[in-house]
Structures are given as C-alpha cells and as structure tokens.
Amino acid sequence: MTPQSGKKGTSMEFKHKSVLLKETIENLNVRPDGVYADGTLGGGGHAYEVCRRLSAKGRFIGIDQDEDAVKAATRRLSEFEDRARIIRSNYCGMREALAEIGIYKLDGIILDLGVSSYQLDDPCRGFTYRVGDAPLDMRMDQRQTFTAKELVNTYSEIDLYRIIRDYGEDKFAKNIAKHVAAARKEKEIENAGELAEIVKRAIPAKVRMHRGHPAKRTFQAIRIELNRELEVLQGSLEDMIDMLNPDGRICIITFHSLEDRIVKSIFKKSEQPCTCPSDFPVCVCGKKPLGRVVTKKPVVPTEEELEYNSRSKSAKLRVFERK
C-alpha cells in the first residue's frame, strides 16, 4: 500500500487498520530466526506483528514508496531496530533492494495492495472523490512528477476509455471518456470535485440511484493507471515467489477483482506449470511445480472485522508456499 508536492508536513497522523491481520500472520508461519519482507509497509501494522515474533537472529525488511508511510512505520517499529530495516522503494524493485543489503532469499513476503486509509482520508493526497477541492494527485510515490491531473487533461479520449473500461470495469466508460474530453476543451479539469461531477453527468440518473458513488470506478481506474499497479503486480509476483526459501510463504491481500485475478492466475501457474497436452501420458515440457497454493479459496474478513473496519469488505487473502 501505499504526500503532495509542496504540501508536505500534513498534520494528519498516518493511521491504517491492517486488514486480515490475524489471518495473514497465521498463514505466514513466522519462524523466530527467519527473514521476512513486507513490500507494502504502510503504517507497519503487519510488520509489527512479524517483528515481535522474531528473535534477535531474525530479520525484517519493510518496503514502501510513500514517504509518509516510511516515516510512520519507522516510528512504529522503533523498538525492533535490531532486526528491522525500512527501504523507500516500490516492491517491484525488491530483489535489487534486498541484494544491496546482502539478502537474496526470504522465508516470507507480505503484500497488502491498494490504498491505505491514510491516503484516502487525507484530501491533500488526491485519492478521494468525496472532497470537492481535493487536488487530482493520486501519486503513491511523490517523487513521481506525473499526476492524475495531468493524466486526466492529456490522455486521449480513446486512452481514457481504455483505462476506465479495463481498470474501472465501468460499462459507461465510453460516455465518461467522451464527457471528460469535452469538458477539458472548455477548461482544464482542476480538482476531484470537477472530475466527479463530469463523471456523474455521463451516467444515467436511473443507474446512479442503484450503485455507489458514480465516480468511484473512474477514480480507481485513474489511480491504477497512474501508479502502474497491475503492471507492477504482474511483473513482480513470479520473481518474489522465486525469492522464497523452501517452505517460505507469500501472503497477498487484494481489494478488487483485477488484482485478485492476477494473483490467483500466477499462483495456479506456479503450482501447475506443465504445458503438455492433457492426453500426454507423462510430462515432457520439463516445467516443475514451484510450490502449492495454500488457500484454495481466498480468506475473507470475518463479520467481526467488517463491523469495525468497513473498508475490509472487499479484501481477499491468498497464500502460496514454496516447495
């Protein structure tokens, strides 16, 4: 998971309720002297539970591209400074980042994908569609210069249609892209409120009555495209499985079907990589299973968790164990 240029030093405290915390830690099978990494460190909720189970011989590496998350997790994990190290990076660079500190294999990896409560609740971050004057930012790593505002105002109508259709899974994607393209001809789209209103006008009133906030899917699509979220996940997952020691596990929490589909597919491929035709008596492709899928069905939040953390509603945990 994973501050705005020129608006650093927000007074908000980095708070985030770690979803499926108990289930994730149980499935990780933490060994006291093991080596573990969290590629989406956030406020350090999962990390804290891992670190407190480690001995002085164990090691934990937390990775996050968000500066505020790094600062918050550093404070949260300060009592474990003998075994914890934090790196500001995208998890797609995990192998290289760990190699620089002499770590090449891991006993466990956690990925808690999506947007943190802090990022959603801080209007300066620009992830929300509920605050009208919130900037169109949406950068998870603010060292990146390209923002959601630039994306909305410069992408072609066909590209806007593509990302809203594919990443927002919105059946009104074509009409939304058309309305955005028409509106920005009149004036540059400046903030979340302007974009949300444009999207609202593109969706029939009868439909708006029976679905959530009309801009939710469009904002999700823009965020995913801007931060290359699915591209990073798709390109990193097999490499992370390869980094696991025997019996090592990777636990991944997803929040929408696009992420979950990628995780499910790569886990299945890693468990059953054989490409031989089904009528072949023996395997001749030479591709061997890398391990097993621990969660045949995803783990979802309990009713109790849903009561105190409504944002966990769409969360799914999948776990893979290296052979």
Protein backbone atom coordinates (compact mmCIF):
# COMPACT_ATOMS: atom_id res chain seq x y z
CA MET A 1 0.00 0.00 0.00
CA THR A 2 0.99 2.92 -0.16
CA PRO A 3 2.42 13.35 0.43
CA GLN A 4 1.76 16.04 -2.19
CA SER A 5 4.40 18.21 -3.78
CA GLY A 6 4.52 21.49 -1.96
CA LYS A 7 2.16 20.21 0.78
CA LYS A 8 4.49 18.19 2.92
CA GLY A 9 4.14 18.06 6.65
CA THR A 10 0.43 17.32 6.77
CA SER A 11 -0.85 17.32 10.33
CA MET A 12 -2.66 14.04 9.83
CA GLU A 13 -1.22 11.03 11.58
CA PHE A 14 -0.61 8.02 9.36
CA LYS A 15 -3.34 5.66 10.54
CA HIS A 16 -4.41 2.47 8.84
CA LYS A 17 -6.26 -0.56 10.15
CA SER A 18 -4.42 -3.59 8.88
CA VAL A 19 -6.91 -5.83 7.10
CA LEU A 20 -6.94 -9.59 7.75
CA LEU A 21 -4.10 -9.08 10.22
CA LYS A 22 -4.58 -12.25 12.29
CA GLU A 23 -5.17 -14.41 9.22
CA THR A 24 -2.14 -13.05 7.39
CA ILE A 25 0.28 -13.55 10.28
CA GLU A 26 -1.03 -17.07 10.96
CA ASN A 27 -0.56 -18.04 7.31
CA LEU A 28 2.91 -16.53 7.16
CA ASN A 29 4.17 -19.15 9.67
CA VAL A 30 6.77 -16.78 11.14
CA ARG A 31 9.95 -18.51 12.31
CA PRO A 32 11.87 -16.62 15.04
CA ASP A 33 15.14 -16.69 13.11
CA GLY A 34 13.61 -16.21 9.66
CA VAL A 35 13.93 -13.39 7.14
CA TYR A 36 10.73 -11.60 6.10
CA ALA A 37 9.74 -8.72 3.85
CA ASP A 38 6.65 -6.55 3.55
CA GLY A 39 6.50 -4.94 0.12
CA THR A 40 3.65 -2.58 1.04
CA LEU A 41 4.70 -1.49 4.51
CA GLY A 42 2.11 1.24 5.09
CA GLY A 43 1.87 2.19 8.75
CA GLY A 44 3.58 -1.03 9.82
CA GLY A 45 0.60 -2.99 11.19
CA HIS A 46 1.51 -6.35 9.67
CA ALA A 47 5.20 -5.55 10.13
CA TYR A 48 4.82 -5.04 13.88
CA GLU A 49 3.25 -8.46 14.31
CA VAL A 50 6.03 -10.10 12.30
CA CYS A 51 8.81 -8.28 14.17
CA ARG A 52 7.53 -9.15 17.61
CA ARG A 53 7.67 -12.83 16.65
CA LEU A 54 11.31 -12.61 15.54
CA SER A 55 14.34 -13.33 17.70
CA ALA A 56 17.49 -11.23 17.61
CA LYS A 57 18.64 -13.52 14.79
CA GLY A 58 15.57 -12.83 12.67
CA ARG A 59 15.38 -10.03 10.09
CA PHE A 60 12.57 -7.93 8.70
CA ILE A 61 12.68 -5.60 5.72
CA GLY A 62 9.82 -3.20 5.10
CA ILE A 63 9.41 -1.57 1.69
CA ASP A 64 7.11 1.31 0.73
CA GLN A 65 7.29 4.07 -1.86
CA ASP A 66 5.24 6.53 0.22
CA GLU A 67 7.39 8.89 2.30
CA ASP A 68 4.70 9.33 4.96
CA ALA A 69 4.35 5.56 5.31
CA VAL A 70 8.11 5.15 5.72
CA LYS A 71 8.17 7.78 8.49
CA ALA A 72 5.16 6.30 10.28
CA ALA A 73 6.47 2.73 10.09
CA THR A 74 9.90 3.84 11.29
CA ARG A 75 8.27 5.18 14.45
CA ARG A 76 6.03 2.14 14.84
CA LEU A 77 8.91 -0.33 14.54
CA SER A 78 11.48 1.66 16.55
CA GLU A 79 11.57 -0.95 19.33
CA PHE A 80 12.73 -3.53 16.79
CA GLU A 81 15.62 -1.58 15.30
CA ASP A 82 17.93 -4.54 15.96
CA ARG A 83 16.02 -6.69 13.46
CA ALA A 84 14.03 -4.33 11.21
CA ARG A 85 15.14 -2.25 8.26
CA ILE A 86 12.97 0.05 6.14
CA ILE A 87 13.59 0.93 2.50
CA ARG A 88 11.76 3.53 0.43
CA SER A 89 11.07 1.83 -2.88
CA ASN A 90 8.39 0.16 -4.97
CA TYR A 91 8.12 -3.55 -4.26
CA CYS A 92 8.87 -4.25 -7.91
CA GLY A 93 12.49 -3.48 -7.01
CA MET A 94 12.51 -5.85 -4.04
CA ARG A 95 15.16 -8.23 -5.37
CA GLU A 96 17.61 -5.43 -6.18
CA ALA A 97 16.93 -3.54 -2.93
CA LEU A 98 17.50 -6.64 -0.81
CA ALA A 99 20.61 -7.67 -2.74
CA GLU A 100 22.16 -4.31 -1.84
CA ILE A 101 21.95 -5.27 1.84
CA GLY A 102 23.08 -8.84 1.28
CA ILE A 103 19.70 -10.61 1.33
CA TYR A 104 18.86 -12.95 -1.52
CA LYS A 105 16.29 -15.34 -0.05
CA LEU A 106 13.25 -14.85 2.18
CA ASP A 107 11.11 -17.02 4.44
CA GLY A 108 8.04 -14.93 3.87
CA ILE A 109 6.61 -11.96 1.98
CA ILE A 110 3.52 -9.83 2.61
CA LEU A 111 1.75 -7.61 0.07
CA ASP A 112 -1.28 -5.59 1.23
CA LEU A 113 -2.33 -3.98 -2.02
CA GLY A 114 -4.48 -0.94 -2.72
CA VAL A 115 -4.76 2.41 -0.96
CA SER A 116 -4.29 2.97 2.76
CA SER A 117 -6.91 4.63 4.96
CA TYR A 118 -4.46 7.50 5.48
CA GLN A 119 -4.15 8.10 1.75
CA LEU A 120 -7.91 8.03 1.30
CA ASP A 121 -8.65 10.25 4.29
CA ASP A 122 -6.05 12.93 3.57
CA PRO A 123 -7.61 15.12 0.85
CA CYS A 124 -4.19 16.57 0.01
CA ARG A 125 -3.23 13.19 -1.43
CA GLY A 126 -5.95 13.45 -4.05
CA PHE A 127 -7.22 9.86 -3.89
CA THR A 128 -10.72 10.80 -2.74
CA TYR A 129 -13.70 11.77 -4.86
CA ARG A 130 -15.66 12.90 -1.79
CA VAL A 131 -13.84 16.20 -1.20
CA GLY A 132 -14.61 18.66 -3.97
CA ASP A 133 -11.50 20.82 -3.81
CA ALA A 134 -9.09 17.91 -3.34
CA PRO A 135 -6.28 18.06 -5.90
CA LEU A 136 -6.12 15.47 -8.66
CA ASP A 137 -2.86 13.93 -7.44
CA MET A 138 -3.13 10.18 -6.62
CA ARG A 139 0.64 9.56 -6.65
CA MET A 140 1.70 6.81 -4.29
CA ASP A 141 5.30 7.89 -4.72
CA GLN A 142 5.55 11.65 -4.78
CA ARG A 143 8.97 11.59 -6.32
CA GLN A 144 6.98 10.85 -9.46
CA THR A 145 6.17 14.08 -11.31
CA PHE A 146 3.20 12.92 -13.41
CA THR A 147 -0.09 13.38 -11.53
CA ALA A 148 -3.71 12.37 -12.03
CA LYS A 149 -4.47 15.94 -13.11
CA GLU A 150 -2.03 15.67 -15.99
CA LEU A 151 -3.38 12.24 -16.90
CA VAL A 152 -6.98 13.44 -16.99
CA ASN A 153 -6.10 16.51 -19.06
CA THR A 154 -3.64 14.93 -21.53
CA TYR A 155 -4.68 11.34 -22.20
CA SER A 156 -6.55 10.91 -25.46
CA GLU A 157 -10.25 10.12 -25.31
CA ILE A 158 -9.59 6.57 -26.50
CA ASP A 159 -6.97 6.02 -23.79
CA LEU A 160 -9.30 7.37 -21.11
CA TYR A 161 -11.97 4.99 -22.40
CA ARG A 162 -9.50 2.09 -22.28
CA ILE A 163 -8.40 2.61 -18.68
CA ILE A 164 -11.92 3.32 -17.34
CA ARG A 165 -13.20 0.22 -19.15
CA ASP A 166 -10.31 -2.07 -18.17
CA TYR A 167 -9.32 -0.78 -14.72
CA GLY A 168 -12.63 0.68 -13.59
CA GLU A 169 -14.76 -2.04 -15.19
CA ASP A 170 -17.39 0.62 -15.87
CA LYS A 171 -19.89 -0.12 -18.63
CA PHE A 172 -20.30 3.62 -19.16
CA ALA A 173 -16.57 4.08 -19.81
CA LYS A 174 -17.05 5.32 -23.37
CA ASN A 175 -19.52 8.01 -22.34
CA ILE A 176 -17.41 9.05 -19.34
CA ALA A 177 -14.32 9.46 -21.55
CA LYS A 178 -16.39 11.46 -24.04
CA HIS A 179 -17.65 13.81 -21.30
CA VAL A 180 -14.15 14.28 -19.86
CA ALA A 181 -12.70 15.08 -23.29
CA ALA A 182 -15.49 17.60 -23.97
CA ALA A 183 -15.20 19.28 -20.58
CA ARG A 184 -11.45 19.85 -20.75
CA LYS A 185 -11.85 21.62 -24.09
CA GLU A 186 -13.74 24.31 -22.21
CA LYS A 187 -11.27 24.49 -19.30
CA GLU A 188 -8.64 22.38 -17.60
CA ILE A 189 -10.08 19.93 -15.07
CA GLU A 190 -8.57 21.15 -11.80
CA ASN A 191 -9.78 19.05 -8.89
CA ALA A 192 -11.64 15.96 -7.68
CA GLY A 193 -15.00 17.73 -7.46
CA GLU A 194 -14.89 18.85 -11.09
CA LEU A 195 -13.99 15.38 -12.32
CA ALA A 196 -16.59 13.68 -10.12
CA GLU A 197 -19.31 15.99 -11.45
CA ILE A 198 -18.31 15.31 -15.07
CA VAL A 199 -18.47 11.55 -14.44
CA LYS A 200 -21.84 11.93 -12.73
CA ARG A 201 -23.29 13.66 -15.80
CA ALA A 202 -22.06 10.81 -18.01
CA ILE A 203 -24.04 8.16 -16.11
CA PRO A 204 -27.84 7.91 -16.46
CA ALA A 205 -29.75 9.11 -13.38
CA LYS A 206 -31.64 5.81 -13.06
CA VAL A 207 -28.33 3.94 -12.87
CA ARG A 208 -26.85 6.35 -10.31
CA MET A 209 -29.70 5.53 -7.94
CA HIS A 210 -28.70 1.88 -7.71
CA ARG A 211 -24.91 1.98 -7.46
CA GLY A 212 -22.30 3.59 -5.24
CA HIS A 213 -20.66 6.93 -5.87
CA PRO A 214 -20.70 7.46 -9.67
CA ALA A 215 -17.02 8.47 -9.75
CA LYS A 216 -15.66 5.54 -7.72
CA ARG A 217 -14.78 3.32 -10.67
CA THR A 218 -13.24 6.16 -12.69
CA PHE A 219 -11.05 7.30 -9.80
CA GLN A 220 -9.93 3.70 -9.25
CA ALA A 221 -9.03 3.37 -12.92
CA ILE A 222 -7.00 6.59 -12.96
CA ARG A 223 -5.15 5.61 -9.77
CA ILE A 224 -4.26 2.16 -11.14
CA GLU A 225 -3.03 3.59 -14.42
CA LEU A 226 -1.06 6.41 -12.81
CA ASN A 227 0.76 4.13 -10.38
CA ARG A 228 1.07 1.16 -12.78
CA GLU A 229 -0.43 -1.01 -10.05
CA LEU A 230 -1.46 -4.04 -12.10
CA GLU A 231 1.64 -3.86 -14.30
CA VAL A 232 3.88 -3.89 -11.22
CA LEU A 233 1.99 -6.78 -9.63
CA GLN A 234 2.00 -8.84 -12.81
CA GLY A 235 5.70 -8.24 -13.38
CA SER A 236 6.85 -8.86 -9.80
CA LEU A 237 4.93 -11.82 -8.44
CA GLU A 238 6.83 -14.67 -10.09
CA ASP A 239 10.12 -13.08 -9.09
CA MET A 240 9.01 -12.84 -5.47
CA ILE A 241 7.96 -16.50 -5.43
CA ASP A 242 11.43 -17.31 -6.77
CA MET A 243 12.99 -15.45 -3.83
CA LEU A 244 11.32 -17.69 -1.25
CA ASN A 245 13.21 -20.35 0.65
CA PRO A 246 11.71 -23.86 0.78
CA ASP A 247 8.51 -23.73 2.88
CA GLY A 248 8.56 -19.94 2.60
CA ARG A 249 5.20 -18.28 2.04
CA ILE A 250 3.88 -15.23 0.26
CA CYS A 251 0.64 -13.70 1.56
CA ILE A 252 -1.19 -11.25 -0.69
CA ILE A 253 -4.24 -9.17 0.21
CA THR A 254 -6.19 -7.76 -2.74
CA PHE A 255 -9.12 -5.34 -2.81
CA HIS A 256 -10.60 -5.68 -6.27
CA SER A 257 -11.13 -8.39 -8.86
CA LEU A 258 -8.38 -7.20 -11.20
CA GLU A 259 -5.65 -7.69 -8.57
CA ASP A 260 -7.18 -10.91 -7.31
CA ARG A 261 -7.35 -12.36 -10.82
CA ILE A 262 -3.62 -11.76 -11.35
CA VAL A 263 -2.66 -13.31 -8.00
CA LYS A 264 -4.92 -16.33 -8.49
CA SER A 265 -3.61 -16.92 -12.01
CA ILE A 266 0.10 -16.69 -11.14
CA PHE A 267 -0.30 -18.84 -8.02
CA LYS A 268 -2.08 -21.50 -10.09
CA LYS A 269 0.57 -21.35 -12.81
CA SER A 270 3.32 -21.70 -10.20
CA GLU A 271 1.57 -24.74 -8.74
CA GLN A 272 0.76 -26.34 -12.09
CA PRO A 273 3.24 -25.03 -14.68
CA CYS A 274 3.10 -28.03 -17.02
CA THR A 275 2.11 -27.02 -20.57
CA CYS A 276 1.87 -30.53 -22.03
CA PRO A 277 -1.41 -31.54 -23.69
CA SER A 278 -3.77 -33.29 -21.28
CA ASP A 279 -3.61 -36.55 -23.26
CA PHE A 280 0.19 -36.88 -22.82
CA PRO A 281 0.94 -39.87 -20.53
CA VAL A 282 3.95 -38.12 -18.99
CA CYS A 283 5.21 -34.54 -18.77
CA VAL A 284 7.80 -33.67 -21.42
CA CYS A 285 7.85 -29.87 -21.07
CA GLY A 286 10.12 -30.11 -18.04
CA LYS A 287 8.31 -27.42 -16.06
CA LYS A 288 8.18 -28.37 -12.40
CA PRO A 289 5.80 -27.04 -9.71
CA LEU A 290 7.32 -24.27 -7.59
CA GLY A 291 5.09 -25.00 -4.64
CA ARG A 292 1.45 -25.14 -3.63
CA VAL A 293 -1.49 -22.82 -3.24
CA VAL A 294 -2.33 -22.88 0.47
CA THR A 295 -5.66 -21.07 0.10
CA LYS A 296 -7.79 -22.97 -2.40
CA LYS A 297 -10.42 -20.32 -1.71
CA PRO A 298 -9.42 -16.81 -0.62
CA VAL A 299 -9.62 -15.88 3.05
CA VAL A 300 -12.09 -13.05 3.62
CA PRO A 301 -12.79 -10.82 6.65
CA THR A 302 -14.95 -12.10 9.50
CA GLU A 303 -18.23 -10.42 10.40
CA GLU A 304 -16.45 -9.01 13.45
CA GLU A 305 -13.77 -7.34 11.32
CA LEU A 306 -16.36 -5.95 8.92
CA GLU A 307 -18.12 -4.30 11.86
CA TYR A 308 -15.10 -2.28 12.98
CA ASN A 309 -13.45 -1.80 9.59
CA SER A 310 -15.91 -1.38 6.71
CA ARG A 311 -13.04 -0.86 4.26
CA SER A 312 -12.11 -4.52 4.65
CA LYS A 313 -15.30 -5.54 2.84
CA SER A 314 -13.69 -6.43 -0.49
CA ALA A 315 -10.42 -7.82 0.91
CA LYS A 316 -9.20 -11.28 -0.10
CA LEU A 317 -6.12 -13.08 1.16
CA ARG A 318 -4.34 -15.68 -0.98
CA VAL A 319 -1.28 -17.63 0.15
CA PHE A 320 1.37 -19.60 -1.76
CA GLU A 321 4.03 -21.84 -0.23
CA ARG A 322 7.35 -22.53 -1.93
CA LYS A 323 8.25 -26.17 -2.41
